[in-house]
Amino acid sequence: MENYKKQRGVTDLLKKVPLLKKLSDKEIQALSKELQKTKVYKDGQAIITQGEPGNGFFMIQSGQVDVTKKDPGSKKETHLATLNV
């Protein structure tokens, strides 16, 4: 029952994503099953690091994420955006 509730919550979340609106209910359910592996990140922990291969798909279920870019030739980072739910 717990897995069903978790998948239902993910399915409901996916239906709210504008990019996924064209998917059928069957496709949304299939995607939901694939997204059952959730990960919680701690404050300040990097999710994706500039220059590393992008081999994942990330969605914010709750909280806030700062998007930054390293300036070429320095260690300085420029804040680009804050994403939150």
PDB file of N, CA and C in Angstrom:
ATOM      1  N   MET A   1       0.823  -1.194   0.000  1.00  0.00           N
ATOM      2  CA  MET A   1       0.000   0.000   0.000  1.00  0.00           C
ATOM      3  C   MET A   1       0.870   1.261   0.000  1.00  0.00           C
ATOM      4  N   GLU A   2       1.994   1.213   0.740  1.00  0.00           N
ATOM      5  CA  GLU A   2       2.894   2.364   0.810  1.00  0.00           C
ATOM      6  C   GLU A   2       3.473   2.699  -0.555  1.00  0.00           C
ATOM      7  N   ASN A   3       3.894   1.665  -1.315  1.00  0.00           N
ATOM      8  CA  ASN A   3       4.440   1.898  -2.659  1.00  0.00           C
ATOM      9  C   ASN A   3       3.388   2.502  -3.585  1.00  0.00           C
ATOM     10  N   TYR A   4       2.145   2.059  -3.453  1.00  0.00           N
ATOM     11  CA  TYR A   4       1.068   2.598  -4.283  1.00  0.00           C
ATOM     12  C   TYR A   4       0.879   4.088  -3.996  1.00  0.00           C
ATOM     13  N   LYS A   5       0.868   4.458  -2.709  1.00  0.00           N
ATOM     14  CA  LYS A   5       0.697   5.863  -2.336  1.00  0.00           C
ATOM     15  C   LYS A   5       1.847   6.713  -2.869  1.00  0.00           C
ATOM     16  N   LYS A   6       3.069   6.171  -2.782  1.00  0.00           N
ATOM     17  CA  LYS A   6       4.236   6.904  -3.266  1.00  0.00           C
ATOM     18  C   LYS A   6       4.142   7.093  -4.781  1.00  0.00           C
ATOM     19  N   GLN A   7       3.809   6.023  -5.520  1.00  0.00           N
ATOM     20  CA  GLN A   7       3.704   6.133  -6.974  1.00  0.00           C
ATOM     21  C   GLN A   7       2.576   7.087  -7.359  1.00  0.00           C
ATOM     22  N   ARG A   8       1.474   7.065  -6.643  1.00  0.00           N
ATOM     23  CA  ARG A   8       0.350   7.960  -6.930  1.00  0.00           C
ATOM     24  C   ARG A   8       0.775   9.422  -6.756  1.00  0.00           C
ATOM     25  N   GLY A   9       1.558   9.681  -5.707  1.00  0.00           N
ATOM     26  CA  GLY A   9       2.058  11.032  -5.475  1.00  0.00           C
ATOM     27  C   GLY A   9       2.970  11.492  -6.599  1.00  0.00           C
ATOM     28  N   VAL A  10       3.839  10.607  -7.073  1.00  0.00           N
ATOM     29  CA  VAL A  10       4.742  10.933  -8.180  1.00  0.00           C
ATOM     30  C   VAL A  10       3.934  11.156  -9.451  1.00  0.00           C
ATOM     31  N   THR A  11       2.942  10.310  -9.691  1.00  0.00           N
ATOM     32  CA  THR A  11       2.086  10.454 -10.877  1.00  0.00           C
ATOM     33  C   THR A  11       1.372  11.806 -10.859  1.00  0.00           C
ATOM     34  N   ASP A  12       0.835  12.175  -9.717  1.00  0.00           N
ATOM     35  CA  ASP A  12       0.149  13.476  -9.591  1.00  0.00           C
ATOM     36  C   ASP A  12       1.117  14.630  -9.856  1.00  0.00           C
ATOM     37  N   LEU A  13       2.340  14.513  -9.351  1.00  0.00           N
ATOM     38  CA  LEU A  13       3.358  15.544  -9.573  1.00  0.00           C
ATOM     39  C   LEU A  13       3.708  15.661 -11.054  1.00  0.00           C
ATOM     40  N   LEU A  14       3.885  14.535 -11.725  1.00  0.00           N
ATOM     41  CA  LEU A  14       4.238  14.539 -13.149  1.00  0.00           C
ATOM     42  C   LEU A  14       3.150  15.190 -13.998  1.00  0.00           C
ATOM     43  N   LYS A  15       1.912  14.981 -13.625  1.00  0.00           N
ATOM     44  CA  LYS A  15       0.797  15.557 -14.389  1.00  0.00           C
ATOM     45  C   LYS A  15       0.781  17.087 -14.312  1.00  0.00           C
ATOM     46  N   LYS A  16       1.466  17.660 -13.329  1.00  0.00           N
ATOM     47  CA  LYS A  16       1.518  19.112 -13.171  1.00  0.00           C
ATOM     48  C   LYS A  16       2.667  19.752 -13.952  1.00  0.00           C
ATOM     49  N   VAL A  17       3.577  18.936 -14.497  1.00  0.00           N
ATOM     50  CA  VAL A  17       4.738  19.458 -15.220  1.00  0.00           C
ATOM     51  C   VAL A  17       4.326  19.822 -16.649  1.00  0.00           C
ATOM     52  N   PRO A  18       4.415  21.106 -17.012  1.00  0.00           N
ATOM     53  CA  PRO A  18       3.975  21.535 -18.349  1.00  0.00           C
ATOM     54  C   PRO A  18       4.623  20.753 -19.494  1.00  0.00           C
ATOM     55  N   LEU A  19       5.899  20.434 -19.373  1.00  0.00           N
ATOM     56  CA  LEU A  19       6.626  19.706 -20.413  1.00  0.00           C
ATOM     57  C   LEU A  19       6.043  18.305 -20.656  1.00  0.00           C
ATOM     58  N   LEU A  20       5.390  17.743 -19.628  1.00  0.00           N
ATOM     59  CA  LEU A  20       4.884  16.371 -19.721  1.00  0.00           C
ATOM     60  C   LEU A  20       3.388  16.296 -20.007  1.00  0.00           C
ATOM     61  N   LYS A  21       2.738  17.432 -20.229  1.00  0.00           N
ATOM     62  CA  LYS A  21       1.284  17.482 -20.426  1.00  0.00           C
ATOM     63  C   LYS A  21       0.803  16.628 -21.598  1.00  0.00           C
ATOM     64  N   LYS A  22       1.640  16.458 -22.623  1.00  0.00           N
ATOM     65  CA  LYS A  22       1.216  15.708 -23.811  1.00  0.00           C
ATOM     66  C   LYS A  22       1.299  14.196 -23.627  1.00  0.00           C
ATOM     67  N   LEU A  23       1.878  13.740 -22.528  1.00  0.00           N
ATOM     68  CA  LEU A  23       1.986  12.306 -22.293  1.00  0.00           C
ATOM     69  C   LEU A  23       0.632  11.717 -21.902  1.00  0.00           C
ATOM     70  N   SER A  24       0.390  10.498 -22.332  1.00  0.00           N
ATOM     71  CA  SER A  24      -0.846   9.795 -21.960  1.00  0.00           C
ATOM     72  C   SER A  24      -0.749   9.343 -20.507  1.00  0.00           C
ATOM     73  N   ASP A  25      -1.886   8.960 -19.931  1.00  0.00           N
ATOM     74  CA  ASP A  25      -1.879   8.450 -18.553  1.00  0.00           C
ATOM     75  C   ASP A  25      -0.976   7.224 -18.434  1.00  0.00           C
ATOM     76  N   LYS A  26      -0.988   6.377 -19.442  1.00  0.00           N
ATOM     77  CA  LYS A  26      -0.153   5.169 -19.432  1.00  0.00           C
ATOM     78  C   LYS A  26       1.330   5.553 -19.428  1.00  0.00           C
ATOM     79  N   GLU A  27       1.700   6.549 -20.223  1.00  0.00           N
ATOM     80  CA  GLU A  27       3.094   7.000 -20.269  1.00  0.00           C
ATOM     81  C   GLU A  27       3.505   7.652 -18.955  1.00  0.00           C
ATOM     82  N   ILE A  28       2.604   8.431 -18.377  1.00  0.00           N
ATOM     83  CA  ILE A  28       2.870   9.061 -17.086  1.00  0.00           C
ATOM     84  C   ILE A  28       3.075   7.997 -16.011  1.00  0.00           C
ATOM     85  N   GLN A  29       2.264   6.959 -16.009  1.00  0.00           N
ATOM     86  CA  GLN A  29       2.396   5.890 -15.022  1.00  0.00           C
ATOM     87  C   GLN A  29       3.720   5.150 -15.192  1.00  0.00           C
ATOM     88  N   ALA A  30       4.127   4.918 -16.440  1.00  0.00           N
ATOM     89  CA  ALA A  30       5.404   4.245 -16.707  1.00  0.00           C
ATOM     90  C   ALA A  30       6.572   5.110 -16.213  1.00  0.00           C
ATOM     91  N   LEU A  31       6.503   6.400 -16.491  1.00  0.00           N
ATOM     92  CA  LEU A  31       7.541   7.319 -16.037  1.00  0.00           C
ATOM     93  C   LEU A  31       7.561   7.370 -14.513  1.00  0.00           C
ATOM     94  N   SER A  32       6.411   7.372 -13.911  1.00  0.00           N
ATOM     95  CA  SER A  32       6.299   7.391 -12.456  1.00  0.00           C
ATOM     96  C   SER A  32       7.004   6.193 -11.828  1.00  0.00           C
ATOM     97  N   LYS A  33       6.836   5.031 -12.416  1.00  0.00           N
ATOM     98  CA  LYS A  33       7.494   3.822 -11.901  1.00  0.00           C
ATOM     99  C   LYS A  33       9.010   3.969 -11.968  1.00  0.00           C
ATOM    100  N   GLU A  34       9.504   4.590 -13.038  1.00  0.00           N
ATOM    101  CA  GLU A  34      10.938   4.781 -13.203  1.00  0.00           C
ATOM    102  C   GLU A  34      11.500   5.809 -12.213  1.00  0.00           C
ATOM    103  N   LEU A  35      10.671   6.702 -11.748  1.00  0.00           N
ATOM    104  CA  LEU A  35      11.122   7.770 -10.855  1.00  0.00           C
ATOM    105  C   LEU A  35      10.972   7.426  -9.373  1.00  0.00           C
ATOM    106  N   GLN A  36      10.749   6.171  -9.067  1.00  0.00           N
ATOM    107  CA  GLN A  36      10.563   5.777  -7.674  1.00  0.00           C
ATOM    108  C   GLN A  36      11.848   5.901  -6.855  1.00  0.00           C
ATOM    109  N   LYS A  37      12.978   5.993  -7.530  1.00  0.00           N
ATOM    110  CA  LYS A  37      14.247   6.157  -6.828  1.00  0.00           C
ATOM    111  C   LYS A  37      14.438   7.648  -6.542  1.00  0.00           C
ATOM    112  N   THR A  38      14.046   8.063  -5.366  1.00  0.00           N
ATOM    113  CA  THR A  38      14.191   9.471  -5.010  1.00  0.00           C
ATOM    114  C   THR A  38      15.447   9.654  -4.165  1.00  0.00           C
ATOM    115  N   LYS A  39      15.988  10.844  -4.199  1.00  0.00           N
ATOM    116  CA  LYS A  39      17.167  11.157  -3.413  1.00  0.00           C
ATOM    117  C   LYS A  39      16.957  12.500  -2.747  1.00  0.00           C
ATOM    118  N   VAL A  40      17.330  12.579  -1.503  1.00  0.00           N
ATOM    119  CA  VAL A  40      17.221  13.813  -0.744  1.00  0.00           C
ATOM    120  C   VAL A  40      18.619  14.418  -0.659  1.00  0.00           C
ATOM    121  N   TYR A  41      18.714  15.697  -0.969  1.00  0.00           N
ATOM    122  CA  TYR A  41      19.991  16.407  -0.901  1.00  0.00           C
ATOM    123  C   TYR A  41      19.991  17.327   0.305  1.00  0.00           C
ATOM    124  N   LYS A  42      21.133  17.423   0.957  1.00  0.00           N
ATOM    125  CA  LYS A  42      21.284  18.301   2.117  1.00  0.00           C
ATOM    126  C   LYS A  42      21.548  19.727   1.656  1.00  0.00           C
ATOM    127  N   ASP A  43      21.278  20.688   2.520  1.00  0.00           N
ATOM    128  CA  ASP A  43      21.562  22.094   2.214  1.00  0.00           C
ATOM    129  C   ASP A  43      23.021  22.245   1.796  1.00  0.00           C
ATOM    130  N   GLY A  44      23.239  22.916   0.674  1.00  0.00           N
ATOM    131  CA  GLY A  44      24.590  23.177   0.193  1.00  0.00           C
ATOM    132  C   GLY A  44      25.218  22.053  -0.611  1.00  0.00           C
ATOM    133  N   GLN A  45      24.561  20.897  -0.667  1.00  0.00           N
ATOM    134  CA  GLN A  45      25.116  19.760  -1.399  1.00  0.00           C
ATOM    135  C   GLN A  45      24.893  19.947  -2.900  1.00  0.00           C
ATOM    136  N   ALA A  46      25.933  19.713  -3.707  1.00  0.00           N
ATOM    137  CA  ALA A  46      25.819  19.842  -5.160  1.00  0.00           C
ATOM    138  C   ALA A  46      25.007  18.689  -5.734  1.00  0.00           C
ATOM    139  N   ILE A  47      24.122  19.006  -6.647  1.00  0.00           N
ATOM    140  CA  ILE A  47      23.331  17.993  -7.347  1.00  0.00           C
ATOM    141  C   ILE A  47      24.005  17.666  -8.672  1.00  0.00           C
ATOM    142  N   ILE A  48      24.354  18.685  -9.415  1.00  0.00           N
ATOM    143  CA  ILE A  48      25.055  18.551 -10.687  1.00  0.00           C
ATOM    144  C   ILE A  48      26.223  19.530 -10.657  1.00  0.00           C
ATOM    145  N   THR A  49      27.393  19.089 -11.121  1.00  0.00           N
ATOM    146  CA  THR A  49      28.564  19.952 -11.143  1.00  0.00           C
ATOM    147  C   THR A  49      28.934  20.273 -12.587  1.00  0.00           C
ATOM    148  N   GLN A  50      29.148  21.548 -12.840  1.00  0.00           N
ATOM    149  CA  GLN A  50      29.512  22.022 -14.175  1.00  0.00           C
ATOM    150  C   GLN A  50      30.727  21.253 -14.692  1.00  0.00           C
ATOM    151  N   GLY A  51      30.626  20.797 -15.956  1.00  0.00           N
ATOM    152  CA  GLY A  51      31.724  20.081 -16.588  1.00  0.00           C
ATOM    153  C   GLY A  51      31.610  18.568 -16.495  1.00  0.00           C
ATOM    154  N   GLU A  52      30.759  18.063 -15.619  1.00  0.00           N
ATOM    155  CA  GLU A  52      30.555  16.626 -15.514  1.00  0.00           C
ATOM    156  C   GLU A  52      29.454  16.198 -16.482  1.00  0.00           C
ATOM    157  N   PRO A  53      29.480  14.929 -16.928  1.00  0.00           N
ATOM    158  CA  PRO A  53      28.432  14.464 -17.851  1.00  0.00           C
ATOM    159  C   PRO A  53      27.051  14.577 -17.214  1.00  0.00           C
ATOM    160  N   GLY A  54      26.085  14.975 -18.011  1.00  0.00           N
ATOM    161  CA  GLY A  54      24.706  15.060 -17.536  1.00  0.00           C
ATOM    162  C   GLY A  54      23.981  13.773 -17.876  1.00  0.00           C
ATOM    163  N   ASN A  55      23.916  12.858 -16.928  1.00  0.00           N
ATOM    164  CA  ASN A  55      23.307  11.555 -17.203  1.00  0.00           C
ATOM    165  C   ASN A  55      22.126  11.254 -16.294  1.00  0.00           C
ATOM    166  N   GLY A  56      21.485  12.295 -15.797  1.00  0.00           N
ATOM    167  CA  GLY A  56      20.345  12.084 -14.927  1.00  0.00           C
ATOM    168  C   GLY A  56      19.219  13.047 -15.243  1.00  0.00           C
ATOM    169  N   PHE A  57      18.085  12.783 -14.652  1.00  0.00           N
ATOM    170  CA  PHE A  57      16.904  13.634 -14.800  1.00  0.00           C
ATOM    171  C   PHE A  57      16.481  14.021 -13.394  1.00  0.00           C
ATOM    172  N   PHE A  58      16.388  15.302 -13.129  1.00  0.00           N
ATOM    173  CA  PHE A  58      16.099  15.767 -11.784  1.00  0.00           C
ATOM    174  C   PHE A  58      14.830  16.604 -11.777  1.00  0.00           C
ATOM    175  N   MET A  59      14.017  16.381 -10.764  1.00  0.00           N
ATOM    176  CA  MET A  59      12.814  17.169 -10.548  1.00  0.00           C
ATOM    177  C   MET A  59      12.803  17.592  -9.083  1.00  0.00           C
ATOM    178  N   ILE A  60      12.384  18.797  -8.832  1.00  0.00           N
ATOM    179  CA  ILE A  60      12.287  19.278  -7.462  1.00  0.00           C
ATOM    180  C   ILE A  60      10.893  18.945  -6.948  1.00  0.00           C
ATOM    181  N   GLN A  61      10.836  18.104  -5.932  1.00  0.00           N
ATOM    182  CA  GLN A  61       9.542  17.765  -5.336  1.00  0.00           C
ATOM    183  C   GLN A  61       9.192  18.779  -4.253  1.00  0.00           C
ATOM    184  N   SER A  62      10.201  19.190  -3.501  1.00  0.00           N
ATOM    185  CA  SER A  62       9.996  20.225  -2.493  1.00  0.00           C
ATOM    186  C   SER A  62      11.345  20.875  -2.204  1.00  0.00           C
ATOM    187  N   GLY A  63      11.294  22.104  -1.756  1.00  0.00           N
ATOM    188  CA  GLY A  63      12.518  22.793  -1.391  1.00  0.00           C
ATOM    189  C   GLY A  63      12.959  23.801  -2.432  1.00  0.00           C
ATOM    190  N   GLN A  64      14.252  24.071  -2.420  1.00  0.00           N
ATOM    191  CA  GLN A  64      14.808  25.133  -3.248  1.00  0.00           C
ATOM    192  C   GLN A  64      16.191  24.732  -3.749  1.00  0.00           C
ATOM    193  N   VAL A  65      16.517  25.132  -4.981  1.00  0.00           N
ATOM    194  CA  VAL A  65      17.815  24.837  -5.584  1.00  0.00           C
ATOM    195  C   VAL A  65      18.370  26.115  -6.194  1.00  0.00           C
ATOM    196  N   ASP A  66      19.624  26.418  -5.884  1.00  0.00           N
ATOM    197  CA  ASP A  66      20.302  27.550  -6.509  1.00  0.00           C
ATOM    198  C   ASP A  66      21.102  27.038  -7.703  1.00  0.00           C
ATOM    199  N   VAL A  67      20.982  27.736  -8.821  1.00  0.00           N
ATOM    200  CA  VAL A  67      21.709  27.393 -10.036  1.00  0.00           C
ATOM    201  C   VAL A  67      22.843  28.406 -10.181  1.00  0.00           C
ATOM    202  N   THR A  68      24.073  27.897 -10.258  1.00  0.00           N
ATOM    203  CA  THR A  68      25.235  28.771 -10.386  1.00  0.00           C
ATOM    204  C   THR A  68      26.108  28.315 -11.546  1.00  0.00           C
ATOM    205  N   LYS A  69      26.974  29.214 -11.978  1.00  0.00           N
ATOM    206  CA  LYS A  69      27.895  28.926 -13.079  1.00  0.00           C
ATOM    207  C   LYS A  69      29.278  29.407 -12.660  1.00  0.00           C
ATOM    208  N   LYS A  70      30.280  28.538 -12.842  1.00  0.00           N
ATOM    209  CA  LYS A  70      31.647  28.944 -12.552  1.00  0.00           C
ATOM    210  C   LYS A  70      32.145  29.834 -13.680  1.00  0.00           C
ATOM    211  N   ASP A  71      32.770  30.923 -13.292  1.00  0.00           N
ATOM    212  CA  ASP A  71      33.341  31.829 -14.282  1.00  0.00           C
ATOM    213  C   ASP A  71      34.649  31.237 -14.806  1.00  0.00           C
ATOM    214  N   PRO A  72      34.859  31.263 -16.127  1.00  0.00           N
ATOM    215  CA  PRO A  72      36.091  30.700 -16.704  1.00  0.00           C
ATOM    216  C   PRO A  72      37.341  31.342 -16.106  1.00  0.00           C
ATOM    217  N   GLY A  73      38.298  30.509 -15.769  1.00  0.00           N
ATOM    218  CA  GLY A  73      39.574  31.004 -15.269  1.00  0.00           C
ATOM    219  C   GLY A  73      39.582  31.477 -13.833  1.00  0.00           C
ATOM    220  N   SER A  74      38.486  31.276 -13.104  1.00  0.00           N
ATOM    221  CA  SER A  74      38.475  31.661 -11.688  1.00  0.00           C
ATOM    222  C   SER A  74      37.600  30.687 -10.911  1.00  0.00           C
ATOM    223  N   LYS A  75      37.644  30.832  -9.612  1.00  0.00           N
ATOM    224  CA  LYS A  75      36.812  29.983  -8.755  1.00  0.00           C
ATOM    225  C   LYS A  75      35.482  30.663  -8.425  1.00  0.00           C
ATOM    226  N   LYS A  76      35.307  31.866  -8.945  1.00  0.00           N
ATOM    227  CA  LYS A  76      34.094  32.634  -8.664  1.00  0.00           C
ATOM    228  C   LYS A  76      32.886  31.996  -9.347  1.00  0.00           C
ATOM    229  N   GLU A  77      31.757  31.990  -8.637  1.00  0.00           N
ATOM    230  CA  GLU A  77      30.508  31.476  -9.191  1.00  0.00           C
ATOM    231  C   GLU A  77      29.513  32.614  -9.348  1.00  0.00           C
ATOM    232  N   THR A  78      28.770  32.579 -10.427  1.00  0.00           N
ATOM    233  CA  THR A  78      27.718  33.559 -10.673  1.00  0.00           C
ATOM    234  C   THR A  78      26.371  32.887 -10.433  1.00  0.00           C
ATOM    235  N   HIS A  79      25.529  33.519  -9.634  1.00  0.00           N
ATOM    236  CA  HIS A  79      24.194  32.995  -9.369  1.00  0.00           C
ATOM    237  C   HIS A  79      23.316  33.268 -10.593  1.00  0.00           C
ATOM    238  N   LEU A  80      22.714  32.212 -11.156  1.00  0.00           N
ATOM    239  CA  LEU A  80      21.872  32.338 -12.347  1.00  0.00           C
ATOM    240  C   LEU A  80      20.383  32.339 -12.016  1.00  0.00           C
ATOM    241  N   ALA A  81      19.995  31.499 -11.074  1.00  0.00           N
ATOM    242  CA  ALA A  81      18.572  31.378 -10.759  1.00  0.00           C
ATOM    243  C   ALA A  81      18.376  30.619  -9.450  1.00  0.00           C
ATOM    244  N   THR A  82      17.199  30.768  -8.895  1.00  0.00           N
ATOM    245  CA  THR A  82      16.768  29.955  -7.766  1.00  0.00           C
ATOM    246  C   THR A  82      15.476  29.272  -8.174  1.00  0.00           C
ATOM    247  N   LEU A  83      15.474  27.946  -8.098  1.00  0.00           N
ATOM    248  CA  LEU A  83      14.290  27.157  -8.453  1.00  0.00           C
ATOM    249  C   LEU A  83      13.684  26.634  -7.152  1.00  0.00           C
ATOM    250  N   ASN A  84      12.366  26.708  -7.039  1.00  0.00           N
ATOM    251  CA  ASN A  84      11.748  26.206  -5.818  1.00  0.00           C
ATOM    252  C   ASN A  84      10.339  25.713  -6.081  1.00  0.00           C
ATOM    253  N   VAL A  85       9.878  24.937  -5.135  1.00  0.00           N
ATOM    254  CA  VAL A  85       8.521  24.408  -5.168  1.00  0.00           C
ATOM    255  C   VAL A  85       7.845  24.783  -3.883  1.00  0.00           C
TER     256      VAL A  85
END
